Protein backbone atom coordinates (compact mmCIF):
# COMPACT_ATOMS: atom_id res chain seq x y z
CA MET A 1 0.00 0.00 0.00
CA TYR A 2 2.89 2.34 0.70
CA LYS A 3 5.80 2.92 -1.64
CA ARG A 4 8.96 4.97 -1.74
CA SER A 5 9.14 7.98 -4.03
CA ALA A 6 11.94 7.60 -6.57
CA SER A 7 12.15 11.33 -7.25
CA ALA A 8 13.81 12.44 -4.02
CA ASP A 9 15.92 11.43 -1.07
CA VAL A 10 12.97 11.41 1.31
CA THR A 11 10.06 9.03 1.66
CA MET A 12 6.55 10.07 0.63
CA ILE A 13 3.43 8.11 1.43
CA THR A 14 1.22 7.40 -1.55
CA SER A 15 -1.78 5.12 -1.44
CA LYS A 16 -3.29 3.15 -4.27
CA ASP A 17 -6.72 3.58 -2.68
CA SER A 18 -6.51 7.33 -2.13
CA TYR A 19 -6.73 8.83 -5.64
CA PRO A 20 -4.60 11.93 -4.97
CA THR A 21 -5.46 15.14 -6.77
CA LYS A 22 -2.99 16.94 -9.00
CA GLU A 23 -2.80 19.75 -6.48
CA SER A 24 -1.90 17.47 -3.56
CA GLU A 25 0.64 15.60 -5.71
CA GLY A 26 2.24 18.89 -6.70
CA MET A 27 2.45 20.11 -3.11
CA LEU A 28 3.98 16.86 -1.91
CA SER A 29 6.42 16.91 -4.81
CA SER A 30 7.40 20.44 -3.81
CA ILE A 31 8.20 19.27 -0.27
CA ASN A 32 10.26 16.39 -1.60
CA ASN A 33 12.11 18.45 -4.21
CA LYS A 34 13.20 20.95 -1.58
CA GLN A 35 14.98 18.11 0.15
CA ALA A 36 16.35 16.33 -2.88
CA ASP A 37 19.65 18.21 -2.93
CA LYS A 38 20.29 18.01 0.80
CA ARG A 39 22.73 15.53 2.25
CA ASP A 40 21.18 15.29 5.71
CA LYS A 41 18.87 12.34 6.08
CA VAL A 42 15.43 13.00 7.53
CA VAL A 43 15.95 11.11 10.77
CA LEU A 44 15.98 11.79 14.50
CA LYS A 45 19.61 12.60 15.15
CA LYS A 46 21.79 11.56 18.09
CA LYS A 47 21.79 14.86 19.96
CA VAL A 48 21.30 13.59 23.53
CA THR A 49 24.73 13.78 25.14
CA LEU A 50 25.57 12.57 28.64
CA LEU A 51 24.86 16.01 30.12
CA ARG A 52 21.56 16.27 28.26
CA GLY A 53 20.63 12.77 29.40
CA ILE A 54 21.32 13.69 33.03
CA SER A 55 19.30 16.88 32.66
CA LEU A 56 16.41 14.95 31.10
CA ILE A 57 16.21 12.53 34.03
CA ILE A 58 16.78 15.02 36.84
CA GLY A 59 14.64 17.65 35.13
CA THR A 60 11.63 15.36 34.86
CA ILE A 61 11.95 13.71 38.28
CA ILE A 62 12.18 16.95 40.26
CA GLY A 63 8.79 18.57 39.78
CA ALA A 64 6.67 20.48 42.24
CA GLY A 65 6.20 17.76 44.88
CA ILE A 66 9.43 18.13 46.85
CA PHE A 67 8.83 21.89 47.13
CA ILE A 68 5.10 21.94 47.75
CA SER A 69 3.91 19.12 49.97
CA PRO A 70 6.13 16.10 50.74
CA LYS A 71 3.72 15.03 53.44
CA GLY A 72 2.37 11.84 51.92
CA VAL A 73 5.37 9.90 53.22
CA LEU A 74 5.15 11.48 56.69
CA GLN A 75 1.40 10.82 56.93
CA ASN A 76 1.88 7.13 56.24
CA THR A 77 4.97 6.55 58.38
CA GLY A 78 3.92 8.50 61.45
CA SER A 79 7.41 9.72 62.41
CA ILE A 80 10.21 11.90 61.09
CA GLY A 81 12.81 9.15 61.39
CA MET A 82 10.82 6.59 59.41
CA SER A 83 9.89 9.18 56.77
CA LEU A 84 13.57 9.93 56.12
CA ILE A 85 14.33 6.19 55.88
CA VAL A 86 11.50 5.77 53.38
CA TRP A 87 12.77 8.69 51.27
CA GLY A 88 16.18 7.03 51.08
CA ALA A 89 14.74 3.56 50.46
CA CYS A 90 12.50 4.85 47.66
CA GLY A 91 15.54 6.42 46.04
CA ILE A 92 17.40 3.09 46.19
CA LEU A 93 14.38 1.17 44.88
CA SER A 94 13.97 3.70 42.05
CA LEU A 95 17.66 3.23 41.28
CA PHE A 96 17.04 -0.51 41.00
CA GLY A 97 14.28 0.15 38.47
CA ALA A 98 16.46 2.63 36.61
CA LEU A 99 19.39 0.17 36.46
CA SER A 100 17.03 -2.47 35.07
CA TYR A 101 15.96 0.00 32.38
CA ALA A 102 19.62 0.81 31.74
CA GLU A 103 20.27 -2.86 30.95
CA LEU A 104 17.30 -2.95 28.59
CA GLY A 105 18.40 0.28 26.91
CA THR A 106 21.88 -1.03 26.13
CA TYR A 107 20.71 -4.08 24.16
CA ILE A 108 17.28 -3.02 22.89
CA LYS A 109 18.50 0.12 21.15
CA LYS A 110 15.10 1.41 20.13
CA SER A 111 13.32 4.42 21.54
CA GLY A 112 9.92 3.96 23.15
CA GLY A 113 10.70 2.90 26.71
CA ASP A 114 7.94 0.83 28.30
CA TYR A 115 6.15 0.29 25.01
CA ILE A 116 9.07 -1.16 23.07
CA TYR A 117 10.28 -3.34 25.96
CA ILE A 118 6.81 -4.84 26.49
CA LEU A 119 6.55 -5.39 22.73
CA GLU A 120 9.89 -7.22 22.64
CA ALA A 121 9.13 -9.39 25.65
CA PHE A 122 5.38 -10.07 25.54
CA GLY A 123 4.14 -9.17 22.08
CA PRO A 124 1.88 -6.60 20.43
CA LEU A 125 -1.35 -6.78 22.48
CA PRO A 126 0.03 -5.71 25.90
CA ALA A 127 2.29 -3.18 24.16
CA PHE A 128 -0.70 -1.63 22.40
CA VAL A 129 -2.70 -1.50 25.63
CA ASN A 130 0.22 0.34 27.22
CA VAL A 131 0.45 3.01 24.51
CA TRP A 132 -3.36 3.27 24.28
CA VAL A 133 -3.71 4.22 27.94
CA GLU A 134 -0.63 6.45 27.84
CA LEU A 135 -1.90 8.40 24.82
CA LEU A 136 -5.55 8.81 25.74
CA VAL A 137 -5.42 9.34 29.49
CA ILE A 138 -2.18 9.06 31.47
CA ARG A 139 0.06 11.47 29.55
CA PRO A 140 -2.53 14.20 28.90
CA ALA A 141 -3.69 14.05 32.54
CA ALA A 142 -0.14 13.98 33.96
CA THR A 143 0.92 16.86 31.70
CA ALA A 144 -2.15 18.87 32.72
CA VAL A 145 -1.47 18.32 36.44
CA ILE A 146 2.19 19.44 36.36
CA SER A 147 1.23 22.32 34.05
CA LEU A 148 -1.45 23.49 36.49
CA ALA A 149 1.20 23.64 39.19
CA PHE A 150 3.31 25.76 36.83
CA GLY A 151 0.39 28.12 36.18
CA ARG A 152 -0.42 28.49 39.87
CA TYR A 153 3.12 29.19 41.05
CA ILE A 154 4.12 31.51 38.22
CA LEU A 155 1.14 33.70 39.19
CA GLU A 156 1.51 33.48 42.96
CA PRO A 157 3.92 36.44 43.39
CA PHE A 158 1.40 38.68 41.59
CA PHE A 159 -1.58 37.66 43.73
CA MET A 160 -0.02 37.37 47.21
CA PRO A 161 -1.64 37.13 49.71
CA CYS A 162 -4.93 36.67 47.81
CA GLU A 163 -6.25 33.43 46.37
CA ILE A 164 -5.60 33.03 42.63
CA PRO A 165 -8.79 32.63 40.51
CA ASP A 166 -9.07 29.42 38.51
CA LEU A 167 -9.45 31.07 35.09
CA PRO A 168 -6.08 32.92 35.08
CA ILE A 169 -4.38 29.74 36.27
CA LYS A 170 -5.84 27.72 33.42
CA LEU A 171 -5.08 30.40 30.82
CA VAL A 172 -1.43 30.69 31.90
CA THR A 173 -1.26 26.88 32.07
CA ALA A 174 -2.56 26.62 28.51
CA LEU A 175 0.03 29.16 27.38
CA GLY A 176 2.81 27.23 29.13
CA ILE A 177 1.75 23.94 27.51
CA THR A 178 1.67 25.62 24.09
CA VAL A 179 5.14 27.13 24.54
CA VAL A 180 6.60 23.75 25.51
CA MET A 181 4.94 22.05 22.53
CA VAL A 182 6.25 24.70 20.11
CA LEU A 183 9.74 24.51 21.61
CA ASN A 184 9.90 20.73 21.21
CA SER A 185 8.50 20.97 17.69
CA MET A 186 11.06 23.53 16.54
CA SER A 187 14.37 22.13 17.75
CA VAL A 188 15.74 19.13 19.61
CA SER A 189 18.89 21.07 20.47
CA TRP A 190 17.09 24.07 21.94
CA SER A 191 14.68 22.00 23.99
CA ALA A 192 17.69 20.06 25.36
CA ARG A 193 19.59 23.27 26.15
CA ILE A 194 16.62 24.75 27.97
CA GLN A 195 16.23 21.48 29.86
CA ILE A 196 19.84 21.76 31.05
CA PHE A 197 19.26 25.34 32.20
CA LEU A 198 16.04 24.41 34.04
CA THR A 199 17.77 21.44 35.68
CA PHE A 200 20.43 23.75 37.10
CA CYS A 201 17.61 26.03 38.33
CA LYS A 202 16.04 23.07 40.14
CA LEU A 203 19.30 22.05 41.73
CA ALA A 204 19.89 25.68 42.75
CA ALA A 205 16.44 25.76 44.36
CA ILE A 206 17.21 22.60 46.32
CA LEU A 207 20.53 24.06 47.44
CA ILE A 208 18.72 27.21 48.58
CA ILE A 209 16.72 24.94 50.90
CA ILE A 210 19.54 22.59 51.94
CA VAL A 211 22.26 25.14 52.76
CA PRO A 212 20.22 27.11 55.37
CA GLY A 213 19.12 23.76 56.79
CA VAL A 214 22.74 22.65 57.23
CA MET A 215 23.48 25.97 58.91
CA GLN A 216 20.57 25.33 61.27
CA LEU A 217 22.04 21.94 62.17
CA ILE A 218 25.43 23.54 62.83
CA LYS A 219 23.68 25.99 65.17
CA GLY A 220 22.24 23.03 67.06
CA GLU A 221 18.64 23.24 65.81
CA THR A 222 18.02 19.51 66.22
CA GLN A 223 15.01 19.50 68.54
CA ASN A 224 12.72 18.02 65.89
CA PHE A 225 15.04 15.03 65.52
CA LYS A 226 14.86 14.06 69.18
CA ASP A 227 12.72 10.93 69.51
CA ALA A 228 12.59 10.91 65.70
CA PHE A 229 10.99 7.47 65.57
CA VAL A 230 8.23 8.32 68.03
CA GLY A 231 4.96 9.21 66.40
CA LYS A 232 1.42 8.14 65.69
CA ASP A 233 0.61 4.52 64.84
CA VAL A 234 -0.37 4.37 61.18
CA GLY A 235 -1.21 0.66 61.00
CA VAL A 236 -0.13 -2.15 58.73
CA MET A 237 -1.08 -0.37 55.49
CA GLY A 238 0.86 2.76 56.34
CA LEU A 239 4.37 1.76 55.27
CA PRO A 240 3.44 0.40 51.82
CA LEU A 241 1.39 3.54 51.13
CA ALA A 242 4.35 5.66 52.23
CA PHE A 243 6.49 3.83 49.68
CA TYR A 244 3.82 4.48 47.07
CA SER A 245 3.99 8.23 47.78
CA GLY A 246 7.78 8.19 47.75
CA MET A 247 8.04 6.25 44.50
CA TYR A 248 5.65 8.72 42.86
CA ALA A 249 8.00 11.58 43.83
CA TYR A 250 10.90 9.75 42.14
CA SER A 251 8.97 8.89 38.97
CA GLY A 252 10.68 10.06 35.80
CA TRP A 253 13.88 7.98 35.94
CA PHE A 254 12.64 5.98 32.93
CA TYR A 255 12.42 8.91 30.48
CA LEU A 256 15.90 8.57 28.98
CA ASN A 257 14.93 5.13 27.66
CA PHE A 258 12.14 6.79 25.69
CA VAL A 259 14.77 8.48 23.46
CA THR A 260 17.40 5.71 23.22
CA GLU A 261 17.88 6.16 19.47
CA GLU A 262 18.86 9.80 20.01
CA VAL A 263 21.43 9.11 22.76
CA GLU A 264 25.10 9.35 21.87
CA ASN A 265 26.91 6.10 22.75
CA PRO A 266 23.90 4.60 24.60
CA GLU A 267 25.84 1.60 25.92
CA LYS A 268 27.93 3.96 28.04
CA ASN A 269 25.80 7.08 28.50
CA ILE A 270 22.47 5.52 29.53
CA PRO A 271 23.82 3.65 32.60
CA LEU A 272 26.11 6.55 33.51
CA ALA A 273 23.36 9.18 33.21
CA ILE A 274 20.98 7.04 35.28
CA CYS A 275 23.49 6.43 38.10
CA ILE A 276 24.55 10.09 38.32
CA SER A 277 20.96 11.34 38.16
CA MET A 278 19.50 8.93 40.71
CA GLY A 279 22.36 9.51 43.15
CA THR A 280 21.91 13.28 42.85
CA VAL A 281 18.13 13.18 43.26
CA THR A 282 18.18 10.75 46.19
CA VAL A 283 20.75 12.74 48.17
CA GLY A 284 18.93 15.97 47.30
CA TYR A 285 15.52 14.65 48.40
CA VAL A 286 16.77 13.28 51.72
CA LEU A 287 18.75 16.44 52.58
CA THR A 288 15.82 18.66 51.57
CA ASN A 289 13.56 16.81 53.98
CA VAL A 290 16.20 17.03 56.71
CA ALA A 291 16.41 20.79 56.07
CA TYR A 292 12.64 21.17 56.42
CA TYR A 293 12.67 19.44 59.80
CA THR A 294 15.36 21.77 61.17
CA THR A 295 12.77 24.55 61.10
CA ILE A 296 9.32 22.96 60.76
CA THR A 297 7.79 20.39 63.09
CA ALA A 298 6.05 17.30 61.78
CA GLU A 299 2.66 18.78 62.70
CA GLU A 300 3.44 22.03 60.84
CA LEU A 301 4.62 20.15 57.77
CA LEU A 302 1.39 18.16 57.64
CA ALA A 303 -0.64 21.38 57.95
CA SER A 304 1.30 23.29 55.28
CA SER A 305 -0.02 23.45 51.72
CA ALA A 306 3.43 24.47 50.38
CA VAL A 307 6.17 23.44 52.78
CA ALA A 308 9.00 25.10 50.81
CA VAL A 309 7.22 28.45 51.00
CA THR A 310 6.61 28.03 54.75
CA TYR A 311 10.26 27.08 55.27
CA ALA A 312 11.55 30.01 53.17
CA GLU A 313 9.34 32.54 54.96
CA ARG A 314 10.92 31.54 58.27
CA LEU A 315 14.57 31.44 57.19
CA LEU A 316 14.98 33.54 54.05
CA GLY A 317 12.83 36.60 54.70
CA SER A 318 11.92 38.59 51.59
CA PHE A 319 13.85 36.12 49.40
CA SER A 320 10.99 33.70 50.03
CA LEU A 321 9.12 35.50 47.22
CA ALA A 322 11.52 33.79 44.80
CA VAL A 323 10.49 30.29 45.90
CA PRO A 324 7.24 30.19 43.83
CA ILE A 325 9.26 31.22 40.76
CA PHE A 326 11.70 28.35 41.35
CA VAL A 327 8.76 25.97 41.76
CA ALA A 328 7.25 27.23 38.50
CA LEU A 329 10.56 26.75 36.67
CA SER A 330 10.81 23.27 38.16
CA CYS A 331 7.35 22.42 36.82
CA PHE A 332 8.23 23.88 33.40
CA GLY A 333 11.30 21.65 33.27
CA SER A 334 9.16 18.59 34.02
CA MET A 335 6.72 19.63 31.30
CA ASN A 336 9.51 20.09 28.76
CA GLY A 337 11.31 16.83 29.58
CA GLY A 338 8.10 14.83 29.73
CA ILE A 339 6.82 16.01 26.35
CA PHE A 340 10.24 15.56 24.74
CA ALA A 341 10.42 11.94 25.92
CA VAL A 342 6.80 10.81 25.62
CA SER A 343 6.42 12.03 22.03
CA ARG A 344 9.02 9.40 21.08
CA VAL A 345 6.74 6.66 22.45
CA PHE A 346 3.99 7.66 20.05
CA TYR A 347 6.54 8.00 17.24
CA VAL A 348 7.81 4.44 17.79
CA ALA A 349 4.31 2.99 18.28
CA SER A 350 3.30 4.48 14.93
CA ARG A 351 6.44 3.09 13.31
CA GLU A 352 5.48 -0.35 14.65
CA GLY A 353 1.98 -0.04 13.16
CA HIS A 354 0.05 0.55 16.41
CA LEU A 355 -0.82 4.21 15.78
CA PRO A 356 -1.64 6.07 12.53
CA GLU A 357 1.29 6.51 10.14
CA ILE A 358 1.35 10.28 10.52
CA PHE A 359 2.80 10.00 14.04
CA SER A 360 5.99 8.33 12.76
CA MET A 361 6.79 11.21 10.40
CA ILE A 362 9.49 13.84 10.89
CA HIS A 363 9.63 17.49 9.91
CA VAL A 364 11.75 17.85 6.79
CA HIS A 365 13.65 20.89 8.11
CA LYS A 366 13.59 20.67 11.91
CA HIS A 367 14.10 16.88 12.14
CA THR A 368 11.60 16.66 15.02
CA PRO A 369 8.70 14.17 15.33
CA LEU A 370 6.21 17.02 14.93
CA PRO A 371 2.92 15.03 14.72
CA ALA A 372 3.85 12.86 17.75
CA ILE A 373 4.50 16.05 19.74
CA ILE A 374 1.43 18.08 18.83
CA ILE A 375 -1.05 15.21 19.33
CA LEU A 376 -0.66 15.78 23.07
CA HIS A 377 -1.73 19.43 22.79
CA PRO A 378 -5.48 19.00 22.08
CA LEU A 379 -5.74 16.02 24.44
CA THR A 380 -4.05 17.95 27.27
CA MET A 381 -6.22 21.02 26.66
CA LEU A 382 -9.30 18.83 26.80
CA MET A 383 -8.17 17.44 30.15
CA LEU A 384 -7.27 20.91 31.42
CA PHE A 385 -10.60 22.59 30.73
CA THR A 386 -13.15 19.77 30.92
CA GLY A 387 -11.70 16.71 32.67
CA ASP A 388 -11.53 15.66 36.29
CA ILE A 389 -7.77 15.31 36.02
CA TYR A 390 -6.97 14.23 39.55
CA SER A 391 -9.63 11.51 39.51
CA LEU A 392 -8.21 10.14 36.25
CA LEU A 393 -4.75 10.02 37.76
CA ASN A 394 -6.15 8.22 40.79
CA PHE A 395 -7.94 5.75 38.52
CA LEU A 396 -4.79 4.99 36.55
CA SER A 397 -2.03 5.31 39.14
CA PHE A 398 -2.02 1.53 39.48
CA ALA A 399 -1.46 1.20 35.72
CA ARG A 400 1.84 3.11 35.96
CA SER A 401 3.15 0.70 38.63
CA PHE A 402 1.81 -2.32 36.75
CA PHE A 403 3.53 -1.46 33.46
CA LEU A 404 6.81 -0.57 35.17
CA GLY A 405 6.74 -3.91 36.96
CA LEU A 406 5.80 -5.70 33.73
CA VAL A 407 8.75 -4.15 31.89
CA VAL A 408 11.22 -5.36 34.53
CA VAL A 409 9.60 -8.81 34.59
CA GLY A 410 10.20 -8.73 30.84
CA LEU A 411 13.91 -8.16 31.48
CA ILE A 412 14.06 -11.35 33.54
CA TYR A 413 12.04 -13.20 30.90
CA LEU A 414 14.32 -12.02 28.07
CA ARG A 415 17.38 -13.33 29.90
CA TYR A 416 15.93 -16.83 29.53
CA LYS A 417 14.15 -16.32 26.21
CA ARG A 418 17.10 -14.67 24.43
CA PRO A 419 20.29 -15.55 26.31
CA GLU A 420 22.33 -15.00 23.14
CA MET A 421 21.67 -11.23 23.08
CA HIS A 422 24.74 -9.08 23.68
CA ARG A 423 24.30 -7.33 27.03
CA PRO A 424 27.07 -4.74 27.51
CA PHE A 425 25.51 -3.70 30.84
CA LYS A 426 24.00 -6.36 33.08
CA VAL A 427 22.63 -6.00 36.61
CA PRO A 428 22.50 -8.76 39.26
CA ILE A 429 19.23 -10.66 39.02
CA PHE A 430 18.07 -9.64 42.51
CA ILE A 431 17.77 -6.00 41.36
CA PRO A 432 15.02 -6.52 38.73
CA ALA A 433 13.43 -9.23 40.91
CA LEU A 434 13.09 -6.92 43.92
CA PHE A 435 11.84 -3.99 41.85
CA SER A 436 9.24 -5.99 39.93
CA PHE A 437 8.00 -7.63 43.15
CA THR A 438 7.60 -4.22 44.81
CA SER A 439 5.77 -2.77 41.81
CA MET A 440 3.30 -5.64 41.69
CA LEU A 441 2.85 -5.41 45.46
CA MET A 442 1.83 -1.77 45.01
CA VAL A 443 -0.72 -2.82 42.41
CA ALA A 444 -2.14 -5.45 44.78
CA LEU A 445 -2.28 -2.96 47.66
CA SER A 446 -4.10 -0.40 45.53
CA LEU A 447 -6.68 -3.06 44.64
CA TYR A 448 -7.09 -3.86 48.32
CA SER A 449 -7.13 -0.32 49.73
CA ASP A 450 -9.14 1.44 46.97
CA PRO A 451 -11.02 -1.17 44.93
CA ILE A 452 -13.49 1.29 43.36
CA ASN A 453 -11.01 3.75 41.83
CA THR A 454 -8.60 0.97 40.94
CA GLY A 455 -11.43 -1.01 39.37
CA ILE A 456 -12.45 1.97 37.23
CA GLY A 457 -8.83 2.41 36.17
CA PHE A 458 -8.58 -1.29 35.36
CA ALA A 459 -11.73 -1.03 33.20
CA ILE A 460 -10.32 2.00 31.34
CA THR A 461 -7.10 0.09 30.69
CA LEU A 462 -9.00 -2.93 29.35
CA THR A 463 -10.64 -0.78 26.64
CA GLY A 464 -7.28 -1.13 24.90
CA VAL A 465 -8.06 -4.79 24.12
CA PRO A 466 -11.06 -4.21 21.78
CA ALA A 467 -9.28 -1.13 20.40
CA TYR A 468 -6.33 -3.34 19.44
CA TYR A 469 -8.52 -5.72 17.44
CA LEU A 470 -10.47 -2.85 15.86
CA PHE A 471 -7.60 -0.60 14.82
CA VAL A 472 -4.63 -2.98 14.45
CA VAL A 473 -5.80 -6.53 13.73
CA TRP A 474 -8.83 -5.79 11.52
CA ASP A 475 -7.42 -5.56 7.98
CA ASN A 476 -10.64 -5.55 5.96
CA LYS A 477 -11.60 -1.98 6.67
CA PRO A 478 -14.10 -0.43 4.22
CA LYS A 479 -12.64 1.07 1.08
CA TRP A 480 -14.15 4.47 1.84
CA PHE A 481 -12.37 4.47 5.19
CA ARG A 482 -9.02 3.70 3.61
CA ARG A 483 -9.53 6.42 1.01
CA PHE A 484 -10.50 8.95 3.67
CA SER A 485 -7.59 8.09 5.98
CA GLY A 486 -5.14 8.26 3.07
CA ARG A 487 -6.34 11.73 2.12
CA VAL A 488 -6.18 12.94 5.71
CA ILE A 489 -2.61 11.67 6.08
CA ARG A 490 -1.50 13.36 2.85
CA LEU A 491 -3.19 16.61 3.86
CA LEU A 492 -1.44 16.54 7.23
CA GLN A 493 1.87 15.81 5.50
CA ILE A 494 1.42 18.91 3.37
CA LEU A 495 0.33 21.16 6.24
CA LEU A 496 3.01 19.98 8.68
CA GLU A 497 5.78 19.40 6.12
CA VAL A 498 6.56 15.93 7.45
CA VAL A 499 7.71 12.70 5.83
CA PRO A 500 8.51 9.19 7.10
CA ALA A 501 12.00 8.83 8.53
CA GLU A 502 14.62 7.40 6.23
CA LYS A 503 16.54 4.31 7.21
CA ASN A 504 19.83 5.43 8.67
CA VAL A 505 22.18 2.95 7.09
CA SER A 506 25.70 3.27 8.48
């Protein structure tokens, strides 16, 4: 059905069922002819260096949570001492997951992260269900949530001490989402450079919290650490739920694997970037919490809606006005890194035949996966203005843990299924075993503790099964449908100036 154009160095989709008009053929030919004399192949280039990889991981992990309200862990542990242990343990457990992904990324050298690893290990149906839920619900909802935090905190200095109305927040949020989408559509290099800058801003914000906290400790302000393990009894379910909250704060360590094909020397840089990033984030999170407790009691932390602001007001005086700006920049960095990485999942899923062909096309000049980036814009806007975003995230929070666990189970399975594969980086088997067990335990606990929301999320996830048979397996689609879809794809090619990626033969 699809053939390569012989008139140029780029690939053009033509369809025998689509009956293209002379005008559309001329416009497509114009796009191709512009590229015919250029040496650069239309491919996603390897522009993710070690530094950019580190900034992608750190920049997406550190969002608003550590600055706003890290009380979920404290609520479910009941004491300062146990909460600090859980923060450290969650960092180590996240490192185990990240190291497992590092192994996968060094011998499955395709972008796509969860999707491509599930496809390689377990086949097309579970892989399609993964990308179906990610595209329709999880990614738009998650992007809308972090973007709302950006909108709220970028406006806070202008409204203090008044409450910010919802409409300005949503309008600024929509503007922020649009800017990030445009940035990622225009240039891989510029989005990576901005991500590096924003990552340094985040680390600077954490240092602004940690350094005064260390000074407090030197002064002997340790009263909140006396009897650190004495607190309220939270019951048997408390500790697992505390780990759930902690693991959510560390989520984002998997994003570098979404762009494996664009990483320079992935066999070396993926494991190195992951180890440096996770070590930095874990130490930073633990020390930030220690700093909070030098000034704020456990009761005050639980009562605060933005603990970093409360902390800064007590120690930093008028400089505390800068904290909301740092939080907003932190959120913007998470938005930028998340969209950069997740768009590659949709790009790869389209290339594998699980999403429409248009999403695997690349801009002929910018060399960015433009359609895979902009598809998130209308879906995120829909969530932002009409959806109950937080409920959707609650419904599908179990799905995130399930698919992460499934990927790492797939690593263990592939060791036995394909022992002949060259594995330049290999972790001890107890690391993926412990991580996958913990992830599945979280899924089981969510089913036990919140069966209604988890059940709804499970039902939403299962809609991917009939969708797979309808959109992927069913070949005998009506002729009118094939004609219509072919015309839509060609029209979008013309409007967006995109073509399928060329094979990069070395």
